[in-house]
Amino acid sequence: MFRHMILLAAMLLLAGCGEAAKLMNQTRTVAAPREEVFAKMFGDGSVFTGLPLVTNGGSDRLYELVVQKGDPQWQAFVPPQRPDAYKVKFAVQMQIPREAHMVYSIDDGAVTAGLKFNFEELAPDRTRVTFTIDQLGGHDTEGLAVNTLELHKIARDALDKLDDFEEVKDAA
């Protein structure tokens, strides 16, 4: 009985450490101004450079790529989980330099998922970048789940662009 309690406590402790490491990996603080950090991650040469600009109202921007059934490139975008889909949309909403929100939508919101980056200015020369994964949304999500591993990979790739800046260790 006592051994089972120790085993259970050890499992809970290990699970807690994993969650703490996961939370730490979602945050990166660098010694650079927020505008410079945002530009490094999402400025010229980023993965969004080729997306058409739909609206531009000052610091708020929306980039969209919409692919519909019948388009020449449809086969590259049709989701394998929904072969009957008729439209796939990738949108990047930016509030420069505060946040960038990537949204993936199938069939006008029947299925939606996303990833959001927040840029918090801690001091004039210090910025904290965090990311969160949106909950799966839409009215036709039965049997589907967000591929969090793939979204974490996208976030890690974006955060790796900050390697040129000096990393600042946050107080625990």
Protein backbone atom coordinates (compact mmCIF):
# COMPACT_ATOMS: atom_id res chain seq x y z
CA MET A 1 0.00 0.00 0.00
CA PHE A 2 2.75 2.41 0.99
CA ARG A 3 4.69 1.57 -2.19
CA HIS A 4 1.63 2.39 -4.31
CA MET A 5 1.28 5.78 -2.62
CA ILE A 6 4.96 6.59 -3.26
CA LEU A 7 4.62 5.48 -6.89
CA LEU A 8 1.52 7.65 -7.31
CA ALA A 9 3.27 10.66 -5.72
CA ALA A 10 6.30 10.17 -7.98
CA MET A 11 4.06 10.01 -11.07
CA LEU A 12 2.27 13.21 -10.03
CA LEU A 13 5.59 14.95 -9.43
CA LEU A 14 6.93 13.91 -12.83
CA ALA A 15 3.70 15.02 -14.51
CA GLY A 16 3.98 18.37 -12.73
CA CYS A 17 7.57 18.82 -13.93
CA GLY A 18 6.49 18.08 -17.47
CA GLU A 19 3.78 20.74 -17.26
CA ALA A 20 6.24 23.26 -15.82
CA ALA A 21 8.70 22.56 -18.63
CA LYS A 22 5.89 22.86 -21.18
CA LEU A 23 4.89 26.28 -19.80
CA MET A 24 8.50 27.48 -19.81
CA ASN A 25 8.89 26.41 -23.44
CA GLN A 26 5.90 28.56 -24.39
CA THR A 27 7.60 31.75 -23.19
CA ARG A 28 10.75 33.44 -24.37
CA THR A 29 12.10 36.73 -23.04
CA VAL A 30 14.76 38.57 -25.02
CA ALA A 31 16.76 41.75 -24.55
CA ALA A 32 15.33 43.76 -27.42
CA PRO A 33 12.55 46.29 -28.03
CA ARG A 34 9.13 44.84 -28.84
CA GLU A 35 9.00 46.36 -32.35
CA GLU A 36 12.36 44.80 -33.22
CA VAL A 37 11.30 41.38 -31.89
CA PHE A 38 8.03 41.48 -33.83
CA ALA A 39 9.85 42.51 -37.03
CA LYS A 40 12.34 39.66 -36.61
CA MET A 41 9.57 37.08 -36.31
CA PHE A 42 7.04 38.44 -38.81
CA GLY A 43 8.80 41.06 -40.93
CA ASP A 44 10.23 40.78 -44.42
CA GLY A 45 11.36 37.29 -45.30
CA SER A 46 8.91 35.61 -42.92
CA VAL A 47 6.62 32.77 -43.93
CA PHE A 48 3.79 35.31 -44.45
CA THR A 49 5.57 37.40 -47.07
CA GLY A 50 3.81 35.61 -49.93
CA LEU A 51 0.30 35.88 -48.51
CA PRO A 52 -1.89 38.56 -50.09
CA LEU A 53 -2.67 41.56 -47.92
CA VAL A 54 -6.44 41.88 -47.59
CA THR A 55 -6.71 44.91 -45.31
CA ASN A 56 -4.24 47.37 -43.95
CA GLY A 57 -5.47 49.80 -41.33
CA GLY A 58 -2.29 51.20 -39.82
CA SER A 59 -0.83 48.72 -37.36
CA ASP A 60 -3.69 46.19 -37.84
CA ARG A 61 -3.18 43.85 -40.79
CA LEU A 62 -4.90 40.79 -42.12
CA TYR A 63 -3.23 38.42 -44.55
CA GLU A 64 -5.35 35.67 -46.11
CA LEU A 65 -4.81 32.78 -48.43
CA VAL A 66 -8.04 31.15 -49.61
CA VAL A 67 -8.02 27.96 -51.68
CA GLN A 68 -11.29 26.57 -53.01
CA LYS A 69 -12.24 23.27 -54.57
CA GLY A 70 -11.51 23.54 -58.28
CA ASP A 71 -8.43 25.76 -57.84
CA PRO A 72 -5.30 24.30 -59.49
CA GLN A 73 -3.50 23.98 -56.13
CA TRP A 74 -6.52 22.42 -54.31
CA GLN A 75 -4.96 18.94 -54.03
CA ALA A 76 -2.09 20.35 -51.96
CA PHE A 77 -4.49 21.95 -49.46
CA VAL A 78 -7.45 19.57 -49.16
CA PRO A 79 -7.51 18.26 -45.57
CA PRO A 80 -7.22 14.46 -45.47
CA GLN A 81 -9.69 14.34 -42.55
CA ARG A 82 -12.29 16.17 -44.67
CA PRO A 83 -11.90 15.13 -48.31
CA ASP A 84 -15.34 16.63 -49.05
CA ALA A 85 -14.24 20.15 -48.00
CA TYR A 86 -14.82 23.00 -50.45
CA LYS A 87 -12.65 25.80 -48.99
CA VAL A 88 -9.52 26.15 -46.86
CA LYS A 89 -8.42 29.51 -45.50
CA PHE A 90 -5.19 30.52 -43.79
CA ALA A 91 -5.36 33.92 -42.11
CA VAL A 92 -2.76 35.88 -40.19
CA GLN A 93 -4.19 38.75 -38.14
CA MET A 94 -1.59 41.16 -36.78
CA GLN A 95 -1.78 43.98 -34.30
CA ILE A 96 1.72 45.29 -34.77
CA PRO A 97 3.74 45.00 -32.54
CA ARG A 98 1.42 43.45 -29.92
CA GLU A 99 0.22 40.15 -31.37
CA ALA A 100 0.03 37.85 -34.36
CA HIS A 101 -2.79 35.31 -34.65
CA MET A 102 -2.68 32.54 -37.24
CA VAL A 103 -6.05 30.95 -38.01
CA TYR A 104 -6.75 27.85 -40.10
CA SER A 105 -10.34 27.45 -41.26
CA ILE A 106 -12.14 24.78 -43.30
CA ASP A 107 -15.45 25.45 -45.05
CA ASP A 108 -16.13 28.97 -43.73
CA GLY A 109 -15.56 28.15 -40.06
CA ALA A 110 -16.93 24.60 -39.92
CA VAL A 111 -13.55 23.70 -38.43
CA THR A 112 -11.13 26.28 -37.01
CA ALA A 113 -7.81 26.08 -35.20
CA GLY A 114 -5.17 28.65 -34.48
CA LEU A 115 -1.99 29.81 -32.84
CA LYS A 116 -1.49 33.22 -31.24
CA PHE A 117 1.74 35.03 -30.34
CA ASN A 118 1.72 37.86 -27.80
CA PHE A 119 4.55 40.38 -27.46
CA GLU A 120 4.70 41.92 -23.99
CA GLU A 121 6.99 44.89 -23.45
CA LEU A 122 8.55 44.40 -20.02
CA ALA A 123 10.93 47.33 -20.37
CA PRO A 124 12.07 49.48 -23.30
CA ASP A 125 14.75 46.88 -24.10
CA ARG A 126 13.05 43.68 -22.92
CA THR A 127 10.23 41.73 -24.58
CA ARG A 128 8.42 38.56 -23.53
CA VAL A 129 6.98 36.45 -26.35
CA THR A 130 4.36 33.85 -25.51
CA PHE A 131 2.16 31.65 -27.64
CA THR A 132 -1.12 29.92 -27.07
CA ILE A 133 -2.99 27.35 -29.10
CA ASP A 134 -6.65 28.03 -29.83
CA GLN A 135 -9.25 25.46 -28.89
CA LEU A 136 -10.69 23.55 -31.82
CA GLY A 137 -13.80 25.44 -32.93
CA GLY A 138 -16.59 25.27 -35.46
CA HIS A 139 -19.80 23.34 -35.86
CA ASP A 140 -18.37 20.27 -37.65
CA THR A 141 -15.50 19.13 -35.42
CA GLU A 142 -16.81 15.75 -34.29
CA GLY A 143 -13.99 13.21 -34.27
CA LEU A 144 -11.31 15.83 -34.92
CA ALA A 145 -8.58 17.14 -32.62
CA VAL A 146 -6.01 19.92 -32.88
CA ASN A 147 -2.57 18.64 -33.84
CA THR A 148 -0.83 20.38 -30.93
CA LEU A 149 2.52 18.79 -31.81
CA GLU A 150 2.48 20.46 -35.23
CA LEU A 151 1.39 23.82 -33.76
CA HIS A 152 4.15 23.61 -31.13
CA LYS A 153 6.62 22.94 -33.97
CA ILE A 154 5.39 26.03 -35.85
CA ALA A 155 5.70 28.09 -32.65
CA ARG A 156 9.19 26.74 -31.91
CA ASP A 157 10.31 27.57 -35.47
CA ALA A 158 9.00 31.12 -35.06
CA LEU A 159 10.60 31.54 -31.63
CA ASP A 160 13.91 30.19 -32.96
CA LYS A 161 14.13 33.32 -35.13
CA LEU A 162 14.88 35.15 -31.89
CA ASP A 163 18.22 33.36 -31.42
CA ASP A 164 20.02 36.53 -32.61
CA PHE A 165 18.82 38.32 -29.47
CA GLU A 166 20.21 37.78 -26.00
CA GLU A 167 17.79 35.64 -24.00
CA VAL A 168 16.76 36.95 -20.59
CA LYS A 169 15.91 34.50 -17.83
CA ASP A 170 12.58 35.32 -16.18
CA ALA A 171 12.24 35.10 -12.43
CA ALA A 172 10.32 31.95 -11.53
